[in-house]
C-alpha atoms as a PDB file:
ATOM      1  CA  ASP A   1     -25.453   7.390 -29.956  1.00  0.00           C
ATOM      2  CA  PHE A   2     -22.481   6.727 -27.682  1.00  0.00           C
ATOM      3  CA  ASP A   3     -18.851   6.733 -28.875  1.00  0.00           C
ATOM      4  CA  ALA A   4     -16.957   3.848 -27.174  1.00  0.00           C
ATOM      5  CA  ASP A   5     -13.660   5.603 -27.941  1.00  0.00           C
ATOM      6  CA  TYR A   6     -14.253   8.374 -25.429  1.00  0.00           C
ATOM      7  CA  SER A   7     -15.298   8.773 -21.963  1.00  0.00           C
ATOM      8  CA  TYR A   8     -16.407  11.913 -20.001  1.00  0.00           C
ATOM      9  CA  VAL A   9     -15.434  12.209 -16.307  1.00  0.00           C
ATOM     10  CA  TRP A  10     -16.526  14.823 -13.859  1.00  0.00           C
ATOM     11  CA  SER A  11     -17.390  15.390 -10.335  1.00  0.00           C
ATOM     12  CA  THR A  12     -18.888  18.335  -8.271  1.00  0.00           C
ATOM     13  CA  SER A  13     -15.352  19.444  -7.465  1.00  0.00           C
ATOM     14  CA  PHE A  14     -13.861  19.766 -11.116  1.00  0.00           C
ATOM     15  CA  GLN A  15     -15.406  20.563 -14.469  1.00  0.00           C
ATOM     16  CA  GLY A  16     -14.465  17.288 -15.942  1.00  0.00           C
ATOM     17  CA  GLU A  17     -12.566  16.036 -19.125  1.00  0.00           C
ATOM     18  CA  VAL A  18     -12.948  13.947 -22.147  1.00  0.00           C
ATOM     19  CA  ILE A  19     -10.667  10.794 -21.950  1.00  0.00           C
ATOM     20  CA  ASP A  20      -9.584   8.778 -24.861  1.00  0.00           C
ATOM     21  CA  ALA A  21     -10.872   5.366 -23.688  1.00  0.00           C
ATOM     22  CA  ARG A  22      -8.299   3.557 -25.813  1.00  0.00           C
ATOM     23  CA  CYS A  23      -5.259   4.824 -23.855  1.00  0.00           C
ATOM     24  CA  GLY A  24      -6.878   6.525 -20.719  1.00  0.00           C
ATOM     25  CA  ARG A  25      -5.497  10.010 -21.370  1.00  0.00           C
ATOM     26  CA  PRO A  26      -7.264  13.217 -21.738  1.00  0.00           C
ATOM     27  CA  VAL A  27      -7.831  14.249 -25.495  1.00  0.00           C
ATOM     28  CA  THR A  28      -6.311  17.678 -24.653  1.00  0.00           C
ATOM     29  CA  GLY A  29      -3.103  16.133 -23.470  1.00  0.00           C
ATOM     30  CA  GLY A  30      -1.411  16.144 -20.084  1.00  0.00           C
ATOM     31  CA  THR A  31      -2.301  14.200 -16.961  1.00  0.00           C
ATOM     32  CA  SER A  32      -5.894  13.115 -16.326  1.00  0.00           C
ATOM     33  CA  LEU A  33      -7.583  14.393 -13.315  1.00  0.00           C
ATOM     34  CA  ILE A  34      -8.401  10.561 -12.537  1.00  0.00           C
ATOM     35  CA  SER A  35      -4.930   9.479 -12.916  1.00  0.00           C
ATOM     36  CA  LYS A  36      -3.302   7.608  -9.940  1.00  0.00           C
ATOM     37  CA  VAL A  37      -0.650  10.213  -9.657  1.00  0.00           C
ATOM     38  CA  VAL A  38      -3.252  12.999  -9.265  1.00  0.00           C
ATOM     39  CA  PHE A  39      -5.221  10.853  -6.643  1.00  0.00           C
ATOM     40  CA  LEU A  40      -1.928  10.516  -4.617  1.00  0.00           C
ATOM     41  CA  SER A  41      -1.388  14.176  -4.951  1.00  0.00           C
ATOM     42  CA  GLU A  42      -5.042  14.880  -3.808  1.00  0.00           C
ATOM     43  CA  TYR A  43      -4.571  12.442  -0.882  1.00  0.00           C
ATOM     44  CA  ARG A  44      -1.469  14.385   0.243  1.00  0.00           C
ATOM     45  CA  TYR A  45      -3.419  17.645  -0.017  1.00  0.00           C
ATOM     46  CA  VAL A  46      -6.212  16.398   2.054  1.00  0.00           C
ATOM     47  CA  CYS A  47      -3.920  15.034   4.734  1.00  0.00           C
ATOM     48  CA  GLN A  48      -2.094  18.509   4.912  1.00  0.00           C
ATOM     49  CA  ARG A  49      -5.552  20.201   5.290  1.00  0.00           C
ATOM     50  CA  LEU A  50      -6.721  17.879   8.048  1.00  0.00           C
ATOM     51  CA  LYS A  51      -3.334  18.078   9.734  1.00  0.00           C
ATOM     52  CA  ILE A  52      -2.799  14.310   9.414  1.00  0.00           C
ATOM     53  CA  PRO A  53       0.898  13.296   9.136  1.00  0.00           C
ATOM     54  CA  SER A  54       1.475  13.238   5.392  1.00  0.00           C
ATOM     55  CA  ILE A  55       3.000  10.734   3.171  1.00  0.00           C
ATOM     56  CA  THR A  56       6.725  11.086   2.540  1.00  0.00           C
ATOM     57  CA  SER A  57       8.204  11.519  -0.994  1.00  0.00           C
ATOM     58  CA  ASP A  58       9.587   8.027  -0.783  1.00  0.00           C
ATOM     59  CA  THR A  59       6.044   6.277  -0.089  1.00  0.00           C
ATOM     60  CA  SER A  60       4.763   4.627  -3.196  1.00  0.00           C
ATOM     61  CA  TYR A  61       1.173   4.661  -4.308  1.00  0.00           C
ATOM     62  CA  TYR A  62       1.254   0.852  -4.227  1.00  0.00           C
ATOM     63  CA  ASN A  63       2.450   0.706  -0.526  1.00  0.00           C
ATOM     64  CA  LEU A  64      -0.218   3.299   0.534  1.00  0.00           C
ATOM     65  CA  LYS A  65      -3.022   1.083  -1.165  1.00  0.00           C
ATOM     66  CA  GLN A  66      -1.751  -1.950   0.710  1.00  0.00           C
ATOM     67  CA  THR A  67      -2.191  -0.375   4.139  1.00  0.00           C
ATOM     68  CA  VAL A  68      -6.086   0.565   3.394  1.00  0.00           C
ATOM     69  CA  LYS A  69      -8.025  -2.419   4.869  1.00  0.00           C
ATOM     70  CA  ASP A  70     -11.384  -1.358   3.538  1.00  0.00           C
ATOM     71  CA  TYR A  71      -9.873  -0.950  -0.050  1.00  0.00           C
ATOM     72  CA  GLN A  72      -8.309  -4.358   0.128  1.00  0.00           C
ATOM     73  CA  GLN A  73     -11.487  -6.132   1.382  1.00  0.00           C
ATOM     74  CA  LYS A  74     -13.581  -4.597  -1.429  1.00  0.00           C
ATOM     75  CA  LYS A  75     -10.862  -5.479  -3.906  1.00  0.00           C
ATOM     76  CA  ARG A  76     -10.982  -9.054  -2.751  1.00  0.00           C
ATOM     77  CA  ALA A  77     -14.780  -9.196  -2.931  1.00  0.00           C
ATOM     78  CA  MET A  78     -14.637  -7.786  -6.577  1.00  0.00           C
ATOM     79  CA  THR A  79     -11.881 -10.195  -7.502  1.00  0.00           C
ATOM     80  CA  ASN A  80     -13.907 -13.217  -6.202  1.00  0.00           C
ATOM     81  CA  TYR A  81     -17.126 -11.966  -7.921  1.00  0.00           C
ATOM     82  CA  LEU A  82     -15.293 -11.592 -11.310  1.00  0.00           C
ATOM     83  CA  GLU A  83     -13.720 -15.102 -11.025  1.00  0.00           C
ATOM     84  CA  GLN A  84     -17.072 -16.744  -9.940  1.00  0.00           C
ATOM     85  CA  LYS A  85     -18.905 -15.248 -12.813  1.00  0.00           C
ATOM     86  CA  LYS A  86     -16.211 -16.183 -15.177  1.00  0.00           C
ATOM     87  CA  PHE A  87     -15.636 -12.473 -16.215  1.00  0.00           C
ATOM     88  CA  GLY A  88     -11.827 -12.823 -15.976  1.00  0.00           C
ATOM     89  CA  TYR A  89      -9.414 -12.058 -13.262  1.00  0.00           C
ATOM     90  CA  TRP A  90      -7.805  -9.053 -11.686  1.00  0.00           C
ATOM     91  CA  SER A  91      -4.294  -8.440 -13.069  1.00  0.00           C
ATOM     92  CA  PHE A  92      -1.581  -8.282 -10.590  1.00  0.00           C
ATOM     93  CA  GLU A  93       1.033  -7.967 -13.257  1.00  0.00           C
ATOM     94  CA  LYS A  94       0.884  -4.185 -13.483  1.00  0.00           C
ATOM     95  CA  LYS A  95       2.142  -3.681  -9.911  1.00  0.00           C
ATOM     96  CA  HIS A  96       5.144  -1.841 -11.274  1.00  0.00           C
ATOM     97  CA  LEU A  97       2.746   0.840 -12.497  1.00  0.00           C
ATOM     98  CA  GLU A  98       1.962   1.761  -9.055  1.00  0.00           C
ATOM     99  CA  GLN A  99       5.465   1.957  -7.583  1.00  0.00           C
ATOM    100  CA  PHE A 100       5.762   5.756  -8.410  1.00  0.00           C
ATOM    101  CA  ARG A 101       6.282   8.179  -5.710  1.00  0.00           C
ATOM    102  CA  TRP A 102       4.593  11.544  -4.872  1.00  0.00           C
ATOM    103  CA  GLN A 103       6.382  14.563  -6.309  1.00  0.00           C
ATOM    104  CA  SER A 104       5.890  18.118  -5.758  1.00  0.00           C
ATOM    105  CA  THR A 105       5.810  18.836  -9.567  1.00  0.00           C
ATOM    106  CA  ILE A 106       2.120  17.538  -9.859  1.00  0.00           C
ATOM    107  CA  PRO A 107      -0.196  20.366 -10.559  1.00  0.00           C
ATOM    108  CA  PRO A 108      -3.197  20.634  -8.230  1.00  0.00           C
ATOM    109  CA  ILE A 109      -6.735  20.097  -9.320  1.00  0.00           C
ATOM    110  CA  GLN A 110      -8.582  23.314 -10.217  1.00  0.00           C
ATOM    111  CA  ARG A 111     -11.536  22.931  -7.899  1.00  0.00           C
ATOM    112  CA  ASN A 112     -15.115  24.388  -8.338  1.00  0.00           C
ATOM    113  CA  ILE A 113     -15.597  24.215  -4.565  1.00  0.00           C
ATOM    114  CA  THR A 114     -13.365  24.961  -1.681  1.00  0.00           C
ATOM    115  CA  MET A 115     -12.542  22.913   1.452  1.00  0.00           C
END
């Protein structure tokens, strides 16, 4: 039996966590490993490891997403599919939720593997 109130997320690089599906937060509290702020932190970490000029502290998550052509193409394809199948539409009203900027206070992911 599945419980629709919870979701479990994991990968080969971290143990995983139980997410409260109603609010999108870990049941243990704190910041989810799948949150946008952690993704941005991980992106910066990978850029540093690969010696790619990193994002600056005043670059927003939203602005970075707009520069990724492959992401934008797939998002448009998904949006078109949802609308054609009458499943609804992609909400653009929450753009303000992606205007945050990277901060050095974000804790790193505890990895099971090393890069």
